[in-house]
Amino acid sequence: MINTTGSDSSSIDNMIELLVLGGMDVFRAIRVVMPPAWQNDELMDPDLRAFYEYSSMHMEAWDGPAGVVIKTGRYAICMLDRNGLRPSR
């Protein structure tokens, strides 16, 4: 289901598409695959922390492409990698 011979970008695209086709909301799918660095954020809302903790039991956080741009036909979504450390143009 996931392209193992392609780039990081193609693999993350495959994974998000798989989750969305399985019925997951696109925003939730993105945050399951590419969560922020949430573990040491003491100010995070407890419900959001619970979501990330639950999601982390099912999928390892993606440290792939530095910048991600997604369009769904309705939304344009742009974000940096989960650590936000690498430059993206």
PDB file of N, CA and C in Angstrom:
ATOM      1  N   MET A   1       0.797  -1.193   0.000  1.00  0.00           N
ATOM      2  CA  MET A   1       0.000   0.000   0.000  1.00  0.00           C
ATOM      3  C   MET A   1       0.845   1.265   0.000  1.00  0.00           C
ATOM      4  N   ILE A   2       2.012   1.181   0.619  1.00  0.00           N
ATOM      5  CA  ILE A   2       2.904   2.333   0.694  1.00  0.00           C
ATOM      6  C   ILE A   2       4.087   2.076  -0.223  1.00  0.00           C
ATOM      7  N   ASN A   3       4.390   3.040  -1.062  1.00  0.00           N
ATOM      8  CA  ASN A   3       5.493   2.946  -2.010  1.00  0.00           C
ATOM      9  C   ASN A   3       6.814   2.914  -1.246  1.00  0.00           C
ATOM     10  N   THR A   4       7.517   1.791  -1.298  1.00  0.00           N
ATOM     11  CA  THR A   4       8.788   1.669  -0.571  1.00  0.00           C
ATOM     12  C   THR A   4       9.990   2.054  -1.424  1.00  0.00           C
ATOM     13  N   THR A   5       9.796   2.263  -2.705  1.00  0.00           N
ATOM     14  CA  THR A   5      10.918   2.609  -3.580  1.00  0.00           C
ATOM     15  C   THR A   5      10.935   4.093  -3.939  1.00  0.00           C
ATOM     16  N   GLY A   6       9.925   4.830  -3.532  1.00  0.00           N
ATOM     17  CA  GLY A   6       9.839   6.249  -3.863  1.00  0.00           C
ATOM     18  C   GLY A   6      10.482   7.128  -2.800  1.00  0.00           C
ATOM     19  N   SER A   7      10.268   8.388  -2.932  1.00  0.00           N
ATOM     20  CA  SER A   7      10.827   9.370  -2.009  1.00  0.00           C
ATOM     21  C   SER A   7      10.017   9.435  -0.718  1.00  0.00           C
ATOM     22  N   ASP A   8      10.539  10.183   0.266  1.00  0.00           N
ATOM     23  CA  ASP A   8       9.777  10.430   1.493  1.00  0.00           C
ATOM     24  C   ASP A   8       8.436  11.075   1.172  1.00  0.00           C
ATOM     25  N   SER A   9       8.468  11.990   0.208  1.00  0.00           N
ATOM     26  CA  SER A   9       7.246  12.705  -0.162  1.00  0.00           C
ATOM     27  C   SER A   9       6.184  11.757  -0.707  1.00  0.00           C
ATOM     28  N   SER A  10       6.593  10.818  -1.547  1.00  0.00           N
ATOM     29  CA  SER A  10       5.607   9.889  -2.107  1.00  0.00           C
ATOM     30  C   SER A  10       5.080   8.933  -1.040  1.00  0.00           C
ATOM     31  N   SER A  11       5.924   8.535  -0.106  1.00  0.00           N
ATOM     32  CA  SER A  11       5.486   7.635   0.957  1.00  0.00           C
ATOM     33  C   SER A  11       4.491   8.307   1.891  1.00  0.00           C
ATOM     34  N   ILE A  12       4.755   9.555   2.254  1.00  0.00           N
ATOM     35  CA  ILE A  12       3.819  10.257   3.138  1.00  0.00           C
ATOM     36  C   ILE A  12       2.505  10.525   2.410  1.00  0.00           C
ATOM     37  N   ASP A  13       2.586  10.802   1.130  1.00  0.00           N
ATOM     38  CA  ASP A  13       1.377  10.995   0.327  1.00  0.00           C
ATOM     39  C   ASP A  13       0.546   9.712   0.329  1.00  0.00           C
ATOM     40  N   ASN A  14       1.208   8.576   0.136  1.00  0.00           N
ATOM     41  CA  ASN A  14       0.511   7.280   0.166  1.00  0.00           C
ATOM     42  C   ASN A  14      -0.153   7.031   1.513  1.00  0.00           C
ATOM     43  N   MET A  15       0.546   7.327   2.588  1.00  0.00           N
ATOM     44  CA  MET A  15       0.015   7.051   3.925  1.00  0.00           C
ATOM     45  C   MET A  15      -1.176   7.940   4.242  1.00  0.00           C
ATOM     46  N   ILE A  16      -1.077   9.229   3.940  1.00  0.00           N
ATOM     47  CA  ILE A  16      -2.198  10.138   4.197  1.00  0.00           C
ATOM     48  C   ILE A  16      -3.392   9.754   3.331  1.00  0.00           C
ATOM     49  N   GLU A  17      -3.142   9.411   2.078  1.00  0.00           N
ATOM     50  CA  GLU A  17      -4.232   8.990   1.195  1.00  0.00           C
ATOM     51  C   GLU A  17      -4.910   7.734   1.729  1.00  0.00           C
ATOM     52  N   LEU A  18      -4.129   6.785   2.215  1.00  0.00           N
ATOM     53  CA  LEU A  18      -4.687   5.552   2.769  1.00  0.00           C
ATOM     54  C   LEU A  18      -5.587   5.850   3.970  1.00  0.00           C
ATOM     55  N   LEU A  19      -5.138   6.706   4.861  1.00  0.00           N
ATOM     56  CA  LEU A  19      -5.940   7.056   6.036  1.00  0.00           C
ATOM     57  C   LEU A  19      -7.226   7.779   5.652  1.00  0.00           C
ATOM     58  N   VAL A  20      -7.126   8.703   4.688  1.00  0.00           N
ATOM     59  CA  VAL A  20      -8.314   9.443   4.248  1.00  0.00           C
ATOM     60  C   VAL A  20      -9.306   8.513   3.551  1.00  0.00           C
ATOM     61  N   LEU A  21      -8.814   7.639   2.688  1.00  0.00           N
ATOM     62  CA  LEU A  21      -9.706   6.685   2.017  1.00  0.00           C
ATOM     63  C   LEU A  21     -10.346   5.714   3.013  1.00  0.00           C
ATOM     64  N   GLY A  22      -9.679   5.506   4.142  1.00  0.00           N
ATOM     65  CA  GLY A  22     -10.226   4.667   5.188  1.00  0.00           C
ATOM     66  C   GLY A  22     -11.246   5.379   6.061  1.00  0.00           C
ATOM     67  N   GLY A  23     -11.496   6.669   5.768  1.00  0.00           N
ATOM     68  CA  GLY A  23     -12.534   7.402   6.483  1.00  0.00           C
ATOM     69  C   GLY A  23     -12.039   8.453   7.461  1.00  0.00           C
ATOM     70  N   MET A  24     -10.727   8.622   7.570  1.00  0.00           N
ATOM     71  CA  MET A  24     -10.194   9.612   8.500  1.00  0.00           C
ATOM     72  C   MET A  24     -10.215  10.997   7.869  1.00  0.00           C
ATOM     73  N   ASP A  25     -10.543  12.005   8.644  1.00  0.00           N
ATOM     74  CA  ASP A  25     -10.494  13.396   8.204  1.00  0.00           C
ATOM     75  C   ASP A  25      -9.053  13.749   7.815  1.00  0.00           C
ATOM     76  N   VAL A  26      -8.863  14.540   6.764  1.00  0.00           N
ATOM     77  CA  VAL A  26      -7.521  14.848   6.255  1.00  0.00           C
ATOM     78  C   VAL A  26      -6.664  15.548   7.315  1.00  0.00           C
ATOM     79  N   PHE A  27      -7.252  16.421   8.109  1.00  0.00           N
ATOM     80  CA  PHE A  27      -6.467  17.123   9.134  1.00  0.00           C
ATOM     81  C   PHE A  27      -6.020  16.173  10.240  1.00  0.00           C
ATOM     82  N   ARG A  28      -6.878  15.259  10.598  1.00  0.00           N
ATOM     83  CA  ARG A  28      -6.524  14.257  11.602  1.00  0.00           C
ATOM     84  C   ARG A  28      -5.438  13.338  11.052  1.00  0.00           C
ATOM     85  N   ALA A  29      -5.580  12.928   9.796  1.00  0.00           N
ATOM     86  CA  ALA A  29      -4.585  12.046   9.170  1.00  0.00           C
ATOM     87  C   ALA A  29      -3.205  12.696   9.156  1.00  0.00           C
ATOM     88  N   ILE A  30      -3.164  13.979   8.839  1.00  0.00           N
ATOM     89  CA  ILE A  30      -1.876  14.682   8.814  1.00  0.00           C
ATOM     90  C   ILE A  30      -1.266  14.719  10.202  1.00  0.00           C
ATOM     91  N   ARG A  31      -2.066  14.986  11.215  1.00  0.00           N
ATOM     92  CA  ARG A  31      -1.547  15.062  12.582  1.00  0.00           C
ATOM     93  C   ARG A  31      -1.211  13.695  13.170  1.00  0.00           C
ATOM     94  N   VAL A  32      -1.814  12.644  12.662  1.00  0.00           N
ATOM     95  CA  VAL A  32      -1.433  11.300  13.083  1.00  0.00           C
ATOM     96  C   VAL A  32      -0.063  10.959  12.495  1.00  0.00           C
ATOM     97  N   VAL A  33       0.128  11.292  11.232  1.00  0.00           N
ATOM     98  CA  VAL A  33       1.374  10.966  10.540  1.00  0.00           C
ATOM     99  C   VAL A  33       2.505  11.922  10.914  1.00  0.00           C
ATOM    100  N   MET A  34       2.200  13.212  11.006  1.00  0.00           N
ATOM    101  CA  MET A  34       3.226  14.229  11.299  1.00  0.00           C
ATOM    102  C   MET A  34       2.819  15.075  12.505  1.00  0.00           C
ATOM    103  N   PRO A  35       2.850  14.502  13.697  1.00  0.00           N
ATOM    104  CA  PRO A  35       2.493  15.295  14.872  1.00  0.00           C
ATOM    105  C   PRO A  35       3.590  16.305  15.188  1.00  0.00           C
ATOM    106  N   PRO A  36       3.247  17.366  15.893  1.00  0.00           N
ATOM    107  CA  PRO A  36       4.293  18.280  16.340  1.00  0.00           C
ATOM    108  C   PRO A  36       5.122  17.598  17.436  1.00  0.00           C
ATOM    109  N   ALA A  37       6.186  18.231  17.848  1.00  0.00           N
ATOM    110  CA  ALA A  37       6.978  17.714  18.966  1.00  0.00           C
ATOM    111  C   ALA A  37       6.214  18.043  20.253  1.00  0.00           C
ATOM    112  N   TRP A  38       5.288  17.186  20.629  1.00  0.00           N
ATOM    113  CA  TRP A  38       4.323  17.470  21.694  1.00  0.00           C
ATOM    114  C   TRP A  38       4.744  16.977  23.078  1.00  0.00           C
ATOM    115  N   GLN A  39       5.673  16.051  23.139  1.00  0.00           N
ATOM    116  CA  GLN A  39       5.990  15.366  24.394  1.00  0.00           C
ATOM    117  C   GLN A  39       6.404  16.315  25.530  1.00  0.00           C
ATOM    118  N   ASN A  40       7.111  17.379  25.232  1.00  0.00           N
ATOM    119  CA  ASN A  40       7.609  18.284  26.275  1.00  0.00           C
ATOM    120  C   ASN A  40       6.840  19.591  26.342  1.00  0.00           C
ATOM    121  N   ASP A  41       5.699  19.666  25.701  1.00  0.00           N
ATOM    122  CA  ASP A  41       4.879  20.880  25.716  1.00  0.00           C
ATOM    123  C   ASP A  41       3.937  20.825  26.924  1.00  0.00           C
ATOM    124  N   GLU A  42       4.343  21.456  28.008  1.00  0.00           N
ATOM    125  CA  GLU A  42       3.571  21.399  29.248  1.00  0.00           C
ATOM    126  C   GLU A  42       2.283  22.219  29.185  1.00  0.00           C
ATOM    127  N   LEU A  43       2.175  23.116  28.208  1.00  0.00           N
ATOM    128  CA  LEU A  43       0.995  23.967  28.098  1.00  0.00           C
ATOM    129  C   LEU A  43      -0.079  23.390  27.173  1.00  0.00           C
ATOM    130  N   MET A  44       0.184  22.222  26.608  1.00  0.00           N
ATOM    131  CA  MET A  44      -0.752  21.626  25.663  1.00  0.00           C
ATOM    132  C   MET A  44      -2.055  21.220  26.349  1.00  0.00           C
ATOM    133  N   ASP A  45      -3.146  21.424  25.639  1.00  0.00           N
ATOM    134  CA  ASP A  45      -4.465  21.024  26.107  1.00  0.00           C
ATOM    135  C   ASP A  45      -4.460  19.516  26.395  1.00  0.00           C
ATOM    136  N   PRO A  46      -5.017  19.091  27.531  1.00  0.00           N
ATOM    137  CA  PRO A  46      -5.000  17.665  27.888  1.00  0.00           C
ATOM    138  C   PRO A  46      -5.685  16.757  26.849  1.00  0.00           C
ATOM    139  N   ASP A  47      -6.750  17.224  26.214  1.00  0.00           N
ATOM    140  CA  ASP A  47      -7.417  16.405  25.191  1.00  0.00           C
ATOM    141  C   ASP A  47      -6.534  16.227  23.964  1.00  0.00           C
ATOM    142  N   LEU A  48      -5.830  17.284  23.580  1.00  0.00           N
ATOM    143  CA  LEU A  48      -4.920  17.203  22.433  1.00  0.00           C
ATOM    144  C   LEU A  48      -3.745  16.285  22.764  1.00  0.00           C
ATOM    145  N   ARG A  49      -3.227  16.389  23.977  1.00  0.00           N
ATOM    146  CA  ARG A  49      -2.140  15.506  24.412  1.00  0.00           C
ATOM    147  C   ARG A  49      -2.598  14.042  24.366  1.00  0.00           C
ATOM    148  N   ALA A  50      -3.803  13.788  24.807  1.00  0.00           N
ATOM    149  CA  ALA A  50      -4.339  12.423  24.785  1.00  0.00           C
ATOM    150  C   ALA A  50      -4.440  11.906  23.349  1.00  0.00           C
ATOM    151  N   PHE A  51      -4.847  12.775  22.414  1.00  0.00           N
ATOM    152  CA  PHE A  51      -4.908  12.389  20.996  1.00  0.00           C
ATOM    153  C   PHE A  51      -3.523  11.987  20.491  1.00  0.00           C
ATOM    154  N   TYR A  52      -2.501  12.810  20.793  1.00  0.00           N
ATOM    155  CA  TYR A  52      -1.152  12.501  20.315  1.00  0.00           C
ATOM    156  C   TYR A  52      -0.593  11.244  20.991  1.00  0.00           C
ATOM    157  N   GLU A  53      -0.878  11.069  22.274  1.00  0.00           N
ATOM    158  CA  GLU A  53      -0.422   9.858  22.966  1.00  0.00           C
ATOM    159  C   GLU A  53      -1.064   8.615  22.352  1.00  0.00           C
ATOM    160  N   TYR A  54      -2.358   8.673  22.112  1.00  0.00           N
ATOM    161  CA  TYR A  54      -3.068   7.550  21.500  1.00  0.00           C
ATOM    162  C   TYR A  54      -2.521   7.267  20.102  1.00  0.00           C
ATOM    163  N   SER A  55      -2.358   8.313  19.307  1.00  0.00           N
ATOM    164  CA  SER A  55      -1.862   8.156  17.933  1.00  0.00           C
ATOM    165  C   SER A  55      -0.453   7.590  17.910  1.00  0.00           C
ATOM    166  N   SER A  56       0.369   7.980  18.883  1.00  0.00           N
ATOM    167  CA  SER A  56       1.762   7.515  18.895  1.00  0.00           C
ATOM    168  C   SER A  56       1.867   6.010  19.169  1.00  0.00           C
ATOM    169  N   MET A  57       0.818   5.423  19.741  1.00  0.00           N
ATOM    170  CA  MET A  57       0.828   3.968  19.971  1.00  0.00           C
ATOM    171  C   MET A  57       0.607   3.196  18.675  1.00  0.00           C
ATOM    172  N   HIS A  58       0.061   3.881  17.651  1.00  0.00           N
ATOM    173  CA  HIS A  58      -0.288   3.201  16.406  1.00  0.00           C
ATOM    174  C   HIS A  58       0.640   3.519  15.246  1.00  0.00           C
ATOM    175  N   MET A  59       1.346   4.648  15.340  1.00  0.00           N
ATOM    176  CA  MET A  59       2.190   5.055  14.220  1.00  0.00           C
ATOM    177  C   MET A  59       3.361   5.877  14.734  1.00  0.00           C
ATOM    178  N   GLU A  60       4.545   5.552  14.244  1.00  0.00           N
ATOM    179  CA  GLU A  60       5.728   6.326  14.601  1.00  0.00           C
ATOM    180  C   GLU A  60       5.676   7.672  13.886  1.00  0.00           C
ATOM    181  N   ALA A  61       6.099   8.718  14.585  1.00  0.00           N
ATOM    182  CA  ALA A  61       6.087  10.059  14.002  1.00  0.00           C
ATOM    183  C   ALA A  61       6.981  10.116  12.767  1.00  0.00           C
ATOM    184  N   TRP A  62       6.519  10.835  11.763  1.00  0.00           N
ATOM    185  CA  TRP A  62       7.204  10.959  10.490  1.00  0.00           C
ATOM    186  C   TRP A  62       8.209  12.090  10.547  1.00  0.00           C
ATOM    187  N   ASP A  63       9.467  11.806  10.293  1.00  0.00           N
ATOM    188  CA  ASP A  63      10.498  12.837  10.224  1.00  0.00           C
ATOM    189  C   ASP A  63      10.978  12.953   8.789  1.00  0.00           C
ATOM    190  N   GLY A  64      10.039  13.016   7.873  1.00  0.00           N
ATOM    191  CA  GLY A  64      10.336  13.021   6.448  1.00  0.00           C
ATOM    192  C   GLY A  64      10.628  14.399   5.895  1.00  0.00           C
ATOM    193  N   PRO A  65       9.902  14.803   4.887  1.00  0.00           N
ATOM    194  CA  PRO A  65      10.190  16.055   4.180  1.00  0.00           C
ATOM    195  C   PRO A  65      10.162  17.263   5.098  1.00  0.00           C
ATOM    196  N   ALA A  66      11.007  18.254   4.798  1.00  0.00           N
ATOM    197  CA  ALA A  66      11.062  19.473   5.611  1.00  0.00           C
ATOM    198  C   ALA A  66       9.785  20.278   5.480  1.00  0.00           C
ATOM    199  N   GLY A  67       9.236  20.350   4.295  1.00  0.00           N
ATOM    200  CA  GLY A  67       8.013  21.105   4.069  1.00  0.00           C
ATOM    201  C   GLY A  67       6.991  20.243   3.367  1.00  0.00           C
ATOM    202  N   VAL A  68       5.739  20.394   3.758  1.00  0.00           N
ATOM    203  CA  VAL A  68       4.669  19.611   3.161  1.00  0.00           C
ATOM    204  C   VAL A  68       3.586  20.563   2.682  1.00  0.00           C
ATOM    205  N   VAL A  69       3.172  20.387   1.433  1.00  0.00           N
ATOM    206  CA  VAL A  69       2.076  21.154   0.864  1.00  0.00           C
ATOM    207  C   VAL A  69       1.070  20.155   0.322  1.00  0.00           C
ATOM    208  N   ILE A  70      -0.174  20.280   0.757  1.00  0.00           N
ATOM    209  CA  ILE A  70      -1.223  19.340   0.367  1.00  0.00           C
ATOM    210  C   ILE A  70      -2.426  20.139  -0.106  1.00  0.00           C
ATOM    211  N   LYS A  71      -3.054  19.663  -1.171  1.00  0.00           N
ATOM    212  CA  LYS A  71      -4.331  20.258  -1.568  1.00  0.00           C
ATOM    213  C   LYS A  71      -5.350  19.137  -1.659  1.00  0.00           C
ATOM    214  N   THR A  72      -6.554  19.442  -1.195  1.00  0.00           N
ATOM    215  CA  THR A  72      -7.579  18.413  -1.148  1.00  0.00           C
ATOM    216  C   THR A  72      -8.698  18.668  -2.145  1.00  0.00           C
ATOM    217  N   GLY A  73      -8.643  19.750  -2.862  1.00  0.00           N
ATOM    218  CA  GLY A  73      -9.756  20.152  -3.705  1.00  0.00           C
ATOM    219  C   GLY A  73     -10.573  21.223  -3.009  1.00  0.00           C
ATOM    220  N   ARG A  74     -10.487  21.242  -1.684  1.00  0.00           N
ATOM    221  CA  ARG A  74     -11.174  22.266  -0.896  1.00  0.00           C
ATOM    222  C   ARG A  74     -10.194  23.076  -0.051  1.00  0.00           C
ATOM    223  N   TYR A  75      -9.144  22.430   0.436  1.00  0.00           N
ATOM    224  CA  TYR A  75      -8.180  23.077   1.323  1.00  0.00           C
ATOM    225  C   TYR A  75      -6.788  23.036   0.720  1.00  0.00           C
ATOM    226  N   ALA A  76      -5.986  24.041   1.067  1.00  0.00           N
ATOM    227  CA  ALA A  76      -4.552  24.031   0.807  1.00  0.00           C
ATOM    228  C   ALA A  76      -3.885  24.025   2.177  1.00  0.00           C
ATOM    229  N   ILE A  77      -3.034  23.056   2.421  1.00  0.00           N
ATOM    230  CA  ILE A  77      -2.418  22.865   3.724  1.00  0.00           C
ATOM    231  C   ILE A  77      -0.906  22.936   3.549  1.00  0.00           C
ATOM    232  N   CYS A  78      -0.264  23.792   4.322  1.00  0.00           N
ATOM    233  CA  CYS A  78       1.198  23.934   4.285  1.00  0.00           C
ATOM    234  C   CYS A  78       1.724  23.801   5.704  1.00  0.00           C
ATOM    235  N   MET A  79       2.776  23.017   5.886  1.00  0.00           N
ATOM    236  CA  MET A  79       3.353  22.870   7.216  1.00  0.00           C
ATOM    237  C   MET A  79       4.819  22.471   7.119  1.00  0.00           C
ATOM    238  N   LEU A  80       5.570  22.757   8.188  1.00  0.00           N
ATOM    239  CA  LEU A  80       6.959  22.331   8.286  1.00  0.00           C
ATOM    240  C   LEU A  80       7.027  20.950   8.901  1.00  0.00           C
ATOM    241  N   ASP A  81       8.206  20.348   8.849  1.00  0.00           N
ATOM    242  CA  ASP A  81       8.379  19.044   9.482  1.00  0.00           C
ATOM    243  C   ASP A  81       8.102  19.159  10.975  1.00  0.00           C
ATOM    244  N   ARG A  82       7.967  18.041  11.637  1.00  0.00           N
ATOM    245  CA  ARG A  82       7.518  18.044  13.025  1.00  0.00           C
ATOM    246  C   ARG A  82       8.443  18.775  13.980  1.00  0.00           C
ATOM    247  N   ASN A  83       9.705  18.879  13.655  1.00  0.00           N
ATOM    248  CA  ASN A  83      10.628  19.599  14.527  1.00  0.00           C
ATOM    249  C   ASN A  83      10.767  21.059  14.134  1.00  0.00           C
ATOM    250  N   GLY A  84      10.393  21.395  12.906  1.00  0.00           N
ATOM    251  CA  GLY A  84      10.450  22.774  12.448  1.00  0.00           C
ATOM    252  C   GLY A  84      11.859  23.337  12.390  1.00  0.00           C
ATOM    253  N   LEU A  85      12.846  22.465  12.267  1.00  0.00           N
ATOM    254  CA  LEU A  85      14.235  22.918  12.334  1.00  0.00           C
ATOM    255  C   LEU A  85      14.863  23.127  10.952  1.00  0.00           C
ATOM    256  N   ARG A  86      14.406  22.397   9.966  1.00  0.00           N
ATOM    257  CA  ARG A  86      15.006  22.507   8.648  1.00  0.00           C
ATOM    258  C   ARG A  86      14.331  23.605   7.849  1.00  0.00           C
ATOM    259  N   PRO A  87      15.099  24.326   7.049  1.00  0.00           N
ATOM    260  CA  PRO A  87      14.483  25.397   6.263  1.00  0.00           C
ATOM    261  C   PRO A  87      13.614  24.836   5.139  1.00  0.00           C
ATOM    262  N   SER A  88      12.580  25.568   4.816  1.00  0.00           N
ATOM    263  CA  SER A  88      11.689  25.187   3.727  1.00  0.00           C
ATOM    264  C   SER A  88      11.341  26.436   2.962  1.00  0.00           C
ATOM    265  N   ARG A  89      11.371  26.366   1.661  1.00  0.00           N
ATOM    266  CA  ARG A  89      11.087  27.552   0.846  1.00  0.00           C
ATOM    267  C   ARG A  89       9.717  27.443   0.264  1.00  0.00           C
TER     268      ARG A  89
END
